[in-house]
Structure formats: C-alpha cells, structure tokens
Amino acid sequence: MVGLMVVEGFGINLCRSLIGETGDKTFLLTMILAAWCPWAGVRGGDASLYQQFLVLSGASLALGLRTMFVEKLTPQAEISDWAAFSLMFVLAVRAYIDLGRADGVMQTPDAEAGAEGEAISEHKGSETWNKSAFSGMPSTKSDAGFAAEESMKYGSFAPVSADGLLAERNDRLISDVIAFVGTVFLVFAAEADDKSEAALLDQPLKGAVDVTASVIGSMLAVFIAVFIGFVVERQLSNARVLFLAAAVLFPMSLMTLSQALLHLGALEGKSASDTVVGLISIFSSA
C-alpha cells in the first residue's frame, strides 16, 4: 500500500513538472539556444550535436537547482527577473542584428560567378572572329589547373592559415562555454516567477522521491525543447532561425520586465494590484 502511494506520488509529480515546464519561458529559451549560438550564429557542423548536448545539460542543471531550492530562491525572484530581462533583451538585439546582416547579403559567391560567366558569354557571343585560326595552338593551362584557379577565385576552395585555425578553435571554445555556462545562468534566471515554479510553491514537494520525480519531469521537458531546437536548426534557413530567435526573445524579455516591475511594490509592502495602478498612473501622466 505504501509502495503504491509512493509510485503514484512519483508519477503525479513527474507529470506536473513535465506539463509545467513544457511551453514556458525556459522551454522556449532552451529551444532557441539549441538552434542558435549568440557568439557564432546558427549552430551547425561537427560541433552542433555536442553543443546541443551542453545546452541540454546546462538547462537540466539549472532547473534541477531551482527545483531543489525553490523556497530559498523565491525571495530573490526580483534579482533573477531583472537579470533574465537584461540577458534576453541583449540576445534579442543580437539576433535582430544578425538577421539584418543575413538579409543584407545580396548575392553569394557562386551567384556572382554565374552572373559574371553569363556576362562573359554574352560578350563573346557578340564578337565575330575566326575561331579555327587558334584551334591548333597548344593550351597554356590544363582543364584541371583552370578549374582549380576558378575554384579559388570564387571561394569554393581556399587555403586555411594557422591564424584562421586558431580563430576557429577559439570560436569553438567560446561557443562550447556559452552553450553550457550561458544556458545555466539564463535558464536559472528565467525560471523565476515561471508557472512551473508557482506550481511548486502552491504544492511543495515532500521528500526526496517527489524532488527526484520533479527533476526528471523537468529534464524530459528540456529534452523535448532541445530536440525541437535540433529540428529547427536542421530544417530552417539561417535567416528564419534568426527571425525566430528575435521573435521569441523580444516578447519574453518584456514579459520578464513586467514581472520584475511587479516586485517593486512588494519591496515597499504594496500588493501587485497597487503596483500596477501606480505604474499605469506614471505612464498616463507622462
């Protein structure tokens, strides 16, 4: 009988945590970080899966810490809200700037090469000269050499210098650090005042079994978020991923700002409704 109650409580807390975390701020933030790196841009290449695993680990660690210490961290919710607002707003601006740069690229090197080739062909077609007079002359450049030169000219192949390799390694290291450490800080701060944390405060966890079930439920939600980010990164173009990042981060930063502003009244002993009325009067008088 006791074992049945333990299993039932475990399942209830796991489902409550999974449902509470799915679709909230931290879920969307994890999804965006799985598809986009604020330092290197849209994820891709050999390091993509590894960095997405780091995002998964960082988000799971952050949610696990907040679950275990939710009652102690609640009084510091205002600090977390202001930190989350600042970080998400900066990331939204970064994504918007990268989106503008992506849209500003008019032609790729291959498109420029094709346009130049068409122009040359049209120019040659307009000339009239005796082609047979030069048909017997030996070629000064082999087809392979010409292809190599054209390949290097239009950017499909280029030698990589030692400085370039070093810069690439530094970018990879910074991206790895941001994927884990940055995710821990962002998710930890964004979880404050979230609906899943409010549910934990309404029905506190009792014992290690309930805490374990809640942590596992949050980890399942994080896994779903990272998987969606993986699909987004593989299926959408870079410009669409950047647009999605900006479109998600801007509203979430404003949402977090509103939560932080509501705490201003709490510091002075006022209720949330009094704080809202005071803010409305300030903006209406201005």
C-alpha atoms as a PDB file:
ATOM      1  CA  MET A   1       0.000   0.000   0.000  1.00  0.00           C
ATOM      2  CA  VAL A   2       2.793   2.389   0.912  1.00  0.00           C
ATOM      3  CA  GLY A   3       4.717   1.443  -2.220  1.00  0.00           C
ATOM      4  CA  LEU A   4       1.673   2.139  -4.366  1.00  0.00           C
ATOM      5  CA  MET A   5       1.293   5.589  -2.821  1.00  0.00           C
ATOM      6  CA  VAL A   6       4.966   6.336  -3.452  1.00  0.00           C
ATOM      7  CA  VAL A   7       4.689   5.287  -7.103  1.00  0.00           C
ATOM      8  CA  GLU A   8       1.510   7.308  -7.509  1.00  0.00           C
ATOM      9  CA  GLY A   9       3.101  10.397  -5.956  1.00  0.00           C
ATOM     10  CA  PHE A  10       6.173   9.938  -8.145  1.00  0.00           C
ATOM     11  CA  GLY A  11       4.061   9.814 -11.299  1.00  0.00           C
ATOM     12  CA  ILE A  12       1.958  12.820 -10.296  1.00  0.00           C
ATOM     13  CA  ASN A  13       4.984  14.999  -9.555  1.00  0.00           C
ATOM     14  CA  LEU A  14       6.754  13.880 -12.738  1.00  0.00           C
ATOM     15  CA  CYS A  15       3.746  14.721 -14.925  1.00  0.00           C
ATOM     16  CA  ARG A  16       3.151  18.016 -13.122  1.00  0.00           C
ATOM     17  CA  SER A  17       6.748  19.068 -13.674  1.00  0.00           C
ATOM     18  CA  LEU A  18       6.727  17.935 -17.313  1.00  0.00           C
ATOM     19  CA  ILE A  19       3.483  19.755 -18.108  1.00  0.00           C
ATOM     20  CA  GLY A  20       4.538  22.848 -16.156  1.00  0.00           C
ATOM     21  CA  GLU A  21       7.879  23.179 -17.937  1.00  0.00           C
ATOM     22  CA  THR A  22       6.585  22.451 -21.447  1.00  0.00           C
ATOM     23  CA  GLY A  23       5.920  25.680 -23.319  1.00  0.00           C
ATOM     24  CA  ASP A  24       7.067  28.105 -20.613  1.00  0.00           C
ATOM     25  CA  LYS A  25       9.855  30.705 -20.769  1.00  0.00           C
ATOM     26  CA  THR A  26      12.690  28.306 -20.039  1.00  0.00           C
ATOM     27  CA  PHE A  27      11.333  25.825 -22.596  1.00  0.00           C
ATOM     28  CA  LEU A  28      11.364  28.420 -25.389  1.00  0.00           C
ATOM     29  CA  LEU A  29      14.722  29.779 -24.264  1.00  0.00           C
ATOM     30  CA  THR A  30      16.273  26.308 -24.318  1.00  0.00           C
ATOM     31  CA  MET A  31      14.840  25.666 -27.772  1.00  0.00           C
ATOM     32  CA  ILE A  32      16.373  28.882 -29.112  1.00  0.00           C
ATOM     33  CA  LEU A  33      19.780  28.207 -27.526  1.00  0.00           C
ATOM     34  CA  ALA A  34      19.791  24.700 -29.013  1.00  0.00           C
ATOM     35  CA  ALA A  35      19.399  26.142 -32.518  1.00  0.00           C
ATOM     36  CA  TRP A  36      21.387  29.384 -32.202  1.00  0.00           C
ATOM     37  CA  CYS A  37      24.612  30.441 -30.511  1.00  0.00           C
ATOM     38  CA  PRO A  38      24.837  34.147 -29.581  1.00  0.00           C
ATOM     39  CA  TRP A  39      28.567  34.087 -30.351  1.00  0.00           C
ATOM     40  CA  ALA A  40      28.893  32.023 -33.545  1.00  0.00           C
ATOM     41  CA  GLY A  41      25.403  32.253 -35.009  1.00  0.00           C
ATOM     42  CA  VAL A  42      23.126  29.411 -36.089  1.00  0.00           C
ATOM     43  CA  ARG A  43      24.540  26.103 -34.944  1.00  0.00           C
ATOM     44  CA  GLY A  44      25.835  23.646 -37.494  1.00  0.00           C
ATOM     45  CA  GLY A  45      28.756  21.483 -38.465  1.00  0.00           C
ATOM     46  CA  ASP A  46      30.546  18.850 -36.421  1.00  0.00           C
ATOM     47  CA  ALA A  47      30.148  20.734 -33.123  1.00  0.00           C
ATOM     48  CA  SER A  48      26.374  21.137 -33.382  1.00  0.00           C
ATOM     49  CA  LEU A  49      25.312  17.946 -31.594  1.00  0.00           C
ATOM     50  CA  TYR A  50      27.936  18.363 -28.883  1.00  0.00           C
ATOM     51  CA  GLN A  51      26.858  21.936 -28.159  1.00  0.00           C
ATOM     52  CA  GLN A  52      23.209  20.915 -28.105  1.00  0.00           C
ATOM     53  CA  PHE A  53      24.116  18.287 -25.529  1.00  0.00           C
ATOM     54  CA  LEU A  54      25.784  21.040 -23.491  1.00  0.00           C
ATOM     55  CA  VAL A  55      22.592  23.104 -23.735  1.00  0.00           C
ATOM     56  CA  LEU A  56      20.614  20.074 -22.557  1.00  0.00           C
ATOM     57  CA  SER A  57      22.953  19.571 -19.605  1.00  0.00           C
ATOM     58  CA  GLY A  58      23.017  23.254 -18.635  1.00  0.00           C
ATOM     59  CA  ALA A  59      19.239  23.677 -18.739  1.00  0.00           C
ATOM     60  CA  SER A  60      18.696  20.459 -16.772  1.00  0.00           C
ATOM     61  CA  LEU A  61      21.187  21.569 -14.116  1.00  0.00           C
ATOM     62  CA  ALA A  62      19.578  24.996 -13.760  1.00  0.00           C
ATOM     63  CA  LEU A  63      16.043  23.617 -13.432  1.00  0.00           C
ATOM     64  CA  GLY A  64      17.208  20.935 -11.015  1.00  0.00           C
ATOM     65  CA  LEU A  65      18.815  23.520  -8.738  1.00  0.00           C
ATOM     66  CA  ARG A  66      15.727  25.724  -8.759  1.00  0.00           C
ATOM     67  CA  THR A  67      13.519  22.719  -8.011  1.00  0.00           C
ATOM     68  CA  MET A  68      15.588  21.633  -5.026  1.00  0.00           C
ATOM     69  CA  PHE A  69      15.964  25.129  -3.558  1.00  0.00           C
ATOM     70  CA  VAL A  70      12.738  26.762  -4.748  1.00  0.00           C
ATOM     71  CA  GLU A  71      11.671  28.004  -1.312  1.00  0.00           C
ATOM     72  CA  LYS A  72      15.045  29.612  -0.599  1.00  0.00           C
ATOM     73  CA  LEU A  73      15.298  31.216  -4.043  1.00  0.00           C
ATOM     74  CA  THR A  74      11.810  32.724  -4.127  1.00  0.00           C
ATOM     75  CA  PRO A  75      12.725  35.857  -2.073  1.00  0.00           C
ATOM     76  CA  GLN A  76      15.429  36.658  -4.666  1.00  0.00           C
ATOM     77  CA  ALA A  77      12.999  36.404  -7.592  1.00  0.00           C
ATOM     78  CA  GLU A  78      13.293  40.124  -8.360  1.00  0.00           C
ATOM     79  CA  ILE A  79      17.048  39.844  -8.929  1.00  0.00           C
ATOM     80  CA  SER A  80      16.508  36.871 -11.225  1.00  0.00           C
ATOM     81  CA  ASP A  81      13.811  38.719 -13.177  1.00  0.00           C
ATOM     82  CA  TRP A  82      15.998  41.761 -13.799  1.00  0.00           C
ATOM     83  CA  ALA A  83      18.932  39.547 -14.799  1.00  0.00           C
ATOM     84  CA  ALA A  84      16.749  37.489 -17.145  1.00  0.00           C
ATOM     85  CA  PHE A  85      15.273  40.619 -18.710  1.00  0.00           C
ATOM     86  CA  SER A  86      18.713  42.140 -19.344  1.00  0.00           C
ATOM     87  CA  LEU A  87      20.199  38.970 -20.821  1.00  0.00           C
ATOM     88  CA  MET A  88      17.222  38.110 -23.024  1.00  0.00           C
ATOM     89  CA  PHE A  89      16.930  41.665 -24.315  1.00  0.00           C
ATOM     90  CA  VAL A  90      20.626  41.685 -25.272  1.00  0.00           C
ATOM     91  CA  LEU A  91      20.225  38.309 -27.007  1.00  0.00           C
ATOM     92  CA  ALA A  92      17.150  39.558 -28.867  1.00  0.00           C
ATOM     93  CA  VAL A  93      19.072  42.588 -30.132  1.00  0.00           C
ATOM     94  CA  ARG A  94      21.957  40.333 -31.141  1.00  0.00           C
ATOM     95  CA  ALA A  95      19.627  38.037 -33.101  1.00  0.00           C
ATOM     96  CA  TYR A  96      17.995  41.044 -34.785  1.00  0.00           C
ATOM     97  CA  ILE A  97      21.391  42.439 -35.835  1.00  0.00           C
ATOM     98  CA  ASP A  98      22.468  39.055 -37.212  1.00  0.00           C
ATOM     99  CA  LEU A  99      19.158  38.829 -39.079  1.00  0.00           C
ATOM    100  CA  GLY A 100      19.807  42.216 -40.696  1.00  0.00           C
ATOM    101  CA  ARG A 101      23.236  41.064 -41.805  1.00  0.00           C
ATOM    102  CA  ALA A 102      21.812  37.854 -43.248  1.00  0.00           C
ATOM    103  CA  ASP A 103      19.180  39.779 -45.186  1.00  0.00           C
ATOM    104  CA  GLY A 104      21.821  42.235 -46.404  1.00  0.00           C
ATOM    105  CA  VAL A 105      23.710  39.592 -48.359  1.00  0.00           C
ATOM    106  CA  MET A 106      22.572  40.260 -51.928  1.00  0.00           C
ATOM    107  CA  GLN A 107      24.475  37.547 -53.791  1.00  0.00           C
ATOM    108  CA  THR A 108      26.520  34.515 -52.884  1.00  0.00           C
ATOM    109  CA  PRO A 109      29.962  33.989 -54.473  1.00  0.00           C
ATOM    110  CA  ASP A 110      28.518  31.255 -56.700  1.00  0.00           C
ATOM    111  CA  ALA A 111      25.748  33.574 -57.877  1.00  0.00           C
ATOM    112  CA  GLU A 112      28.282  36.291 -58.626  1.00  0.00           C
ATOM    113  CA  ALA A 113      30.381  33.783 -60.555  1.00  0.00           C
ATOM    114  CA  GLY A 114      27.359  32.686 -62.563  1.00  0.00           C
ATOM    115  CA  ALA A 115      26.419  36.270 -63.362  1.00  0.00           C
ATOM    116  CA  GLU A 116      29.978  37.059 -64.445  1.00  0.00           C
ATOM    117  CA  GLY A 117      30.082  33.924 -66.580  1.00  0.00           C
ATOM    118  CA  GLU A 118      26.848  34.863 -68.303  1.00  0.00           C
ATOM    119  CA  ALA A 119      28.170  38.369 -68.992  1.00  0.00           C
ATOM    120  CA  ILE A 120      31.360  36.954 -70.499  1.00  0.00           C
ATOM    121  CA  SER A 121      29.371  34.542 -72.662  1.00  0.00           C
ATOM    122  CA  GLU A 122      27.153  37.323 -73.962  1.00  0.00           C
ATOM    123  CA  HIS A 123      30.215  39.459 -74.705  1.00  0.00           C
ATOM    124  CA  LYS A 124      31.899  36.634 -76.585  1.00  0.00           C
ATOM    125  CA  GLY A 125      28.734  35.880 -78.484  1.00  0.00           C
ATOM    126  CA  SER A 126      28.602  39.407 -79.781  1.00  0.00           C
ATOM    127  CA  GLU A 127      32.139  39.226 -81.225  1.00  0.00           C
ATOM    128  CA  THR A 128      32.921  37.803 -84.656  1.00  0.00           C
ATOM    129  CA  TRP A 129      36.366  36.322 -85.197  1.00  0.00           C
ATOM    130  CA  ASN A 130      37.948  33.267 -86.747  1.00  0.00           C
ATOM    131  CA  LYS A 131      37.964  30.601 -84.034  1.00  0.00           C
ATOM    132  CA  SER A 132      39.583  27.983 -86.285  1.00  0.00           C
ATOM    133  CA  ALA A 133      42.751  30.077 -86.550  1.00  0.00           C
ATOM    134  CA  PHE A 134      43.613  29.302 -82.943  1.00  0.00           C
ATOM    135  CA  SER A 135      42.286  25.750 -82.736  1.00  0.00           C
ATOM    136  CA  GLY A 136      45.661  24.207 -83.335  1.00  0.00           C
ATOM    137  CA  MET A 137      47.595  26.152 -80.712  1.00  0.00           C
ATOM    138  CA  PRO A 138      48.598  24.244 -77.535  1.00  0.00           C
ATOM    139  CA  SER A 139      46.722  25.126 -74.388  1.00  0.00           C
ATOM    140  CA  THR A 140      48.794  27.033 -71.851  1.00  0.00           C
ATOM    141  CA  LYS A 141      46.659  25.841 -68.943  1.00  0.00           C
ATOM    142  CA  SER A 142      45.143  22.439 -68.357  1.00  0.00           C
ATOM    143  CA  ASP A 143      41.490  21.985 -67.563  1.00  0.00           C
ATOM    144  CA  ALA A 144      42.399  20.895 -64.049  1.00  0.00           C
ATOM    145  CA  GLY A 145      44.514  23.975 -63.497  1.00  0.00           C
ATOM    146  CA  PHE A 146      41.806  26.235 -64.840  1.00  0.00           C
ATOM    147  CA  ALA A 147      39.195  24.590 -62.590  1.00  0.00           C
ATOM    148  CA  ALA A 148      41.459  24.980 -59.559  1.00  0.00           C
ATOM    149  CA  GLU A 149      42.031  28.652 -60.323  1.00  0.00           C
ATOM    150  CA  GLU A 150      38.320  29.300 -60.837  1.00  0.00           C
ATOM    151  CA  SER A 151      37.521  27.383 -57.646  1.00  0.00           C
ATOM    152  CA  MET A 152      39.890  29.541 -55.609  1.00  0.00           C
ATOM    153  CA  LYS A 153      38.688  32.684 -57.364  1.00  0.00           C
ATOM    154  CA  TYR A 154      35.058  32.213 -56.428  1.00  0.00           C
ATOM    155  CA  GLY A 155      35.532  30.972 -52.899  1.00  0.00           C
ATOM    156  CA  SER A 156      34.651  27.267 -53.127  1.00  0.00           C
ATOM    157  CA  PHE A 157      38.178  26.442 -52.010  1.00  0.00           C
ATOM    158  CA  ALA A 158      40.621  28.492 -50.046  1.00  0.00           C
ATOM    159  CA  PRO A 159      43.730  27.586 -48.060  1.00  0.00           C
ATOM    160  CA  VAL A 160      43.358  27.988 -44.285  1.00  0.00           C
ATOM    161  CA  SER A 161      46.144  29.771 -42.459  1.00  0.00           C
ATOM    162  CA  ALA A 162      47.367  29.000 -38.959  1.00  0.00           C
ATOM    163  CA  ASP A 163      45.725  32.177 -37.698  1.00  0.00           C
ATOM    164  CA  GLY A 164      42.434  31.030 -39.191  1.00  0.00           C
ATOM    165  CA  LEU A 165      42.674  27.659 -37.460  1.00  0.00           C
ATOM    166  CA  LEU A 166      43.435  29.353 -34.142  1.00  0.00           C
ATOM    167  CA  ALA A 167      40.499  31.713 -34.525  1.00  0.00           C
ATOM    168  CA  GLU A 168      38.234  28.783 -35.381  1.00  0.00           C
ATOM    169  CA  ARG A 169      39.339  26.899 -32.275  1.00  0.00           C
ATOM    170  CA  ASN A 170      38.765  29.958 -30.094  1.00  0.00           C
ATOM    171  CA  ASP A 171      35.256  30.412 -31.537  1.00  0.00           C
ATOM    172  CA  ARG A 172      34.536  26.730 -30.900  1.00  0.00           C
ATOM    173  CA  LEU A 173      35.722  27.013 -27.286  1.00  0.00           C
ATOM    174  CA  ILE A 174      33.687  30.160 -26.623  1.00  0.00           C
ATOM    175  CA  SER A 175      30.605  28.585 -28.194  1.00  0.00           C
ATOM    176  CA  ASP A 176      31.026  25.480 -26.019  1.00  0.00           C
ATOM    177  CA  VAL A 177      31.322  27.587 -22.862  1.00  0.00           C
ATOM    178  CA  ILE A 178      28.258  29.656 -23.757  1.00  0.00           C
ATOM    179  CA  ALA A 179      26.295  26.501 -24.596  1.00  0.00           C
ATOM    180  CA  PHE A 180      26.710  25.218 -21.036  1.00  0.00           C
ATOM    181  CA  VAL A 181      27.536  28.105 -18.690  1.00  0.00           C
ATOM    182  CA  GLY A 182      25.380  30.636 -20.533  1.00  0.00           C
ATOM    183  CA  THR A 183      22.441  28.234 -20.580  1.00  0.00           C
ATOM    184  CA  VAL A 184      22.774  27.587 -16.840  1.00  0.00           C
ATOM    185  CA  PHE A 185      22.641  31.310 -15.997  1.00  0.00           C
ATOM    186  CA  LEU A 186      19.877  32.146 -18.484  1.00  0.00           C
ATOM    187  CA  VAL A 187      17.566  29.268 -17.586  1.00  0.00           C
ATOM    188  CA  PHE A 188      18.229  29.689 -13.848  1.00  0.00           C
ATOM    189  CA  ALA A 189      17.279  33.373 -14.023  1.00  0.00           C
ATOM    190  CA  ALA A 190      14.323  32.905 -16.396  1.00  0.00           C
ATOM    191  CA  GLU A 191      12.756  30.206 -14.209  1.00  0.00           C
ATOM    192  CA  ALA A 192      11.934  32.778 -11.504  1.00  0.00           C
ATOM    193  CA  ASP A 193       8.201  33.545 -11.332  1.00  0.00           C
ATOM    194  CA  ASP A 194       7.532  30.927 -14.001  1.00  0.00           C
ATOM    195  CA  LYS A 195       4.304  28.922 -13.950  1.00  0.00           C
ATOM    196  CA  SER A 196       6.105  25.683 -13.100  1.00  0.00           C
ATOM    197  CA  GLU A 197       7.791  27.311 -10.104  1.00  0.00           C
ATOM    198  CA  ALA A 198       4.481  28.791  -8.988  1.00  0.00           C
ATOM    199  CA  ALA A 199       3.010  25.279  -9.051  1.00  0.00           C
ATOM    200  CA  LEU A 200       5.818  24.042  -6.815  1.00  0.00           C
ATOM    201  CA  LEU A 201       5.124  26.829  -4.326  1.00  0.00           C
ATOM    202  CA  ASP A 202       1.399  26.016  -4.259  1.00  0.00           C
ATOM    203  CA  GLN A 203       2.075  22.318  -3.608  1.00  0.00           C
ATOM    204  CA  PRO A 204       5.533  21.958  -2.045  1.00  0.00           C
ATOM    205  CA  LEU A 205       7.490  18.785  -2.672  1.00  0.00           C
ATOM    206  CA  LYS A 206       7.668  16.335   0.242  1.00  0.00           C
ATOM    207  CA  GLY A 207      10.707  14.143   0.423  1.00  0.00           C
ATOM    208  CA  ALA A 208      13.429  13.020  -1.913  1.00  0.00           C
ATOM    209  CA  VAL A 209      11.052  10.964  -4.078  1.00  0.00           C
ATOM    210  CA  ASP A 210       8.936  13.981  -5.001  1.00  0.00           C
ATOM    211  CA  VAL A 211      12.027  16.097  -5.712  1.00  0.00           C
ATOM    212  CA  THR A 212      13.512  13.362  -7.911  1.00  0.00           C
ATOM    213  CA  ALA A 213      10.269  12.988  -9.859  1.00  0.00           C
ATOM    214  CA  SER A 214      10.045  16.742 -10.390  1.00  0.00           C
ATOM    215  CA  VAL A 215      13.648  16.944 -11.592  1.00  0.00           C
ATOM    216  CA  ILE A 216      13.130  14.047 -14.026  1.00  0.00           C
ATOM    217  CA  GLY A 217       9.988  15.715 -15.375  1.00  0.00           C
ATOM    218  CA  SER A 218      11.841  18.969 -15.995  1.00  0.00           C
ATOM    219  CA  MET A 219      14.667  17.068 -17.713  1.00  0.00           C
ATOM    220  CA  LEU A 220      12.144  15.439 -20.063  1.00  0.00           C
ATOM    221  CA  ALA A 221      10.770  18.874 -20.952  1.00  0.00           C
ATOM    222  CA  VAL A 222      14.315  20.129 -21.601  1.00  0.00           C
ATOM    223  CA  PHE A 223      14.967  17.152 -23.868  1.00  0.00           C
ATOM    224  CA  ILE A 224      11.852  17.980 -25.899  1.00  0.00           C
ATOM    225  CA  ALA A 225      12.939  21.619 -26.174  1.00  0.00           C
ATOM    226  CA  VAL A 226      16.447  20.696 -27.354  1.00  0.00           C
ATOM    227  CA  PHE A 227      15.025  18.224 -29.861  1.00  0.00           C
ATOM    228  CA  ILE A 228      12.770  20.925 -31.318  1.00  0.00           C
ATOM    229  CA  GLY A 229      15.792  23.243 -31.497  1.00  0.00           C
ATOM    230  CA  PHE A 230      17.704  20.497 -33.302  1.00  0.00           C
ATOM    231  CA  VAL A 231      14.909  20.148 -35.867  1.00  0.00           C
ATOM    232  CA  VAL A 232      14.667  23.925 -36.302  1.00  0.00           C
ATOM    233  CA  GLU A 233      18.417  24.220 -36.871  1.00  0.00           C
ATOM    234  CA  ARG A 234      18.405  21.408 -39.455  1.00  0.00           C
ATOM    235  CA  GLN A 235      15.218  22.294 -41.330  1.00  0.00           C
ATOM    236  CA  LEU A 236      15.099  26.113 -41.418  1.00  0.00           C
ATOM    237  CA  SER A 237      17.415  28.548 -43.142  1.00  0.00           C
ATOM    238  CA  ASN A 238      19.743  30.717 -41.076  1.00  0.00           C
ATOM    239  CA  ALA A 239      17.625  33.813 -41.674  1.00  0.00           C
ATOM    240  CA  ARG A 240      14.469  32.073 -40.449  1.00  0.00           C
ATOM    241  CA  VAL A 241      16.237  30.729 -37.362  1.00  0.00           C
ATOM    242  CA  LEU A 242      17.441  34.244 -36.530  1.00  0.00           C
ATOM    243  CA  PHE A 243      13.958  35.665 -37.095  1.00  0.00           C
ATOM    244  CA  LEU A 244      12.506  33.005 -34.789  1.00  0.00           C
ATOM    245  CA  ALA A 245      15.112  33.802 -32.119  1.00  0.00           C
ATOM    246  CA  ALA A 246      14.362  37.536 -32.220  1.00  0.00           C
ATOM    247  CA  ALA A 247      10.589  36.954 -32.334  1.00  0.00           C
ATOM    248  CA  VAL A 248      10.731  34.746 -29.238  1.00  0.00           C
ATOM    249  CA  LEU A 249      13.315  36.635 -27.182  1.00  0.00           C
ATOM    250  CA  PHE A 250      11.829  40.135 -27.521  1.00  0.00           C
ATOM    251  CA  PRO A 251       8.371  39.239 -26.078  1.00  0.00           C
ATOM    252  CA  MET A 252       9.942  37.065 -23.364  1.00  0.00           C
ATOM    253  CA  SER A 253      12.201  39.926 -22.280  1.00  0.00           C
ATOM    254  CA  LEU A 254       9.164  42.229 -21.992  1.00  0.00           C
ATOM    255  CA  MET A 255       7.301  39.560 -20.058  1.00  0.00           C
ATOM    256  CA  THR A 256      10.196  39.244 -17.632  1.00  0.00           C
ATOM    257  CA  LEU A 257      10.385  43.033 -17.320  1.00  0.00           C
ATOM    258  CA  SER A 258       6.738  43.139 -16.280  1.00  0.00           C
ATOM    259  CA  GLN A 259       7.412  40.503 -13.625  1.00  0.00           C
ATOM    260  CA  ALA A 260      10.383  42.474 -12.321  1.00  0.00           C
ATOM    261  CA  LEU A 261       8.319  45.676 -12.138  1.00  0.00           C
ATOM    262  CA  LEU A 262       5.653  43.927 -10.064  1.00  0.00           C
ATOM    263  CA  HIS A 263       8.278  43.206  -7.404  1.00  0.00           C
ATOM    264  CA  LEU A 264       8.908  46.921  -6.878  1.00  0.00           C
ATOM    265  CA  GLY A 265       5.706  47.243  -4.900  1.00  0.00           C
ATOM    266  CA  ALA A 266       6.480  44.149  -2.861  1.00  0.00           C
ATOM    267  CA  LEU A 267       9.635  45.800  -1.542  1.00  0.00           C
ATOM    268  CA  GLU A 268       7.535  48.671  -0.194  1.00  0.00           C
ATOM    269  CA  GLY A 269       4.825  46.463   1.268  1.00  0.00           C
ATOM    270  CA  LYS A 270       2.347  47.067  -1.561  1.00  0.00           C
ATOM    271  CA  SER A 271       0.283  44.491  -3.358  1.00  0.00           C
ATOM    272  CA  ALA A 272       0.719  43.630  -7.031  1.00  0.00           C
ATOM    273  CA  SER A 273      -2.522  45.438  -7.925  1.00  0.00           C
ATOM    274  CA  ASP A 274      -1.314  48.621  -6.210  1.00  0.00           C
ATOM    275  CA  THR A 275       1.942  48.393  -8.138  1.00  0.00           C
ATOM    276  CA  VAL A 276       0.100  48.014 -11.443  1.00  0.00           C
ATOM    277  CA  VAL A 277      -2.118  51.011 -10.676  1.00  0.00           C
ATOM    278  CA  GLY A 278       0.930  53.075  -9.756  1.00  0.00           C
ATOM    279  CA  LEU A 279       2.753  52.145 -12.963  1.00  0.00           C
ATOM    280  CA  ILE A 280      -0.302  52.965 -15.072  1.00  0.00           C
ATOM    281  CA  SER A 281      -0.619  56.359 -13.415  1.00  0.00           C
ATOM    282  CA  ILE A 282       3.056  57.084 -14.072  1.00  0.00           C
ATOM    283  CA  PHE A 283       2.818  56.264 -17.777  1.00  0.00           C
ATOM    284  CA  SER A 284      -0.547  58.020 -18.211  1.00  0.00           C
ATOM    285  CA  SER A 285       0.738  61.232 -16.586  1.00  0.00           C
ATOM    286  CA  ALA A 286       3.815  61.170 -18.821  1.00  0.00           C
END
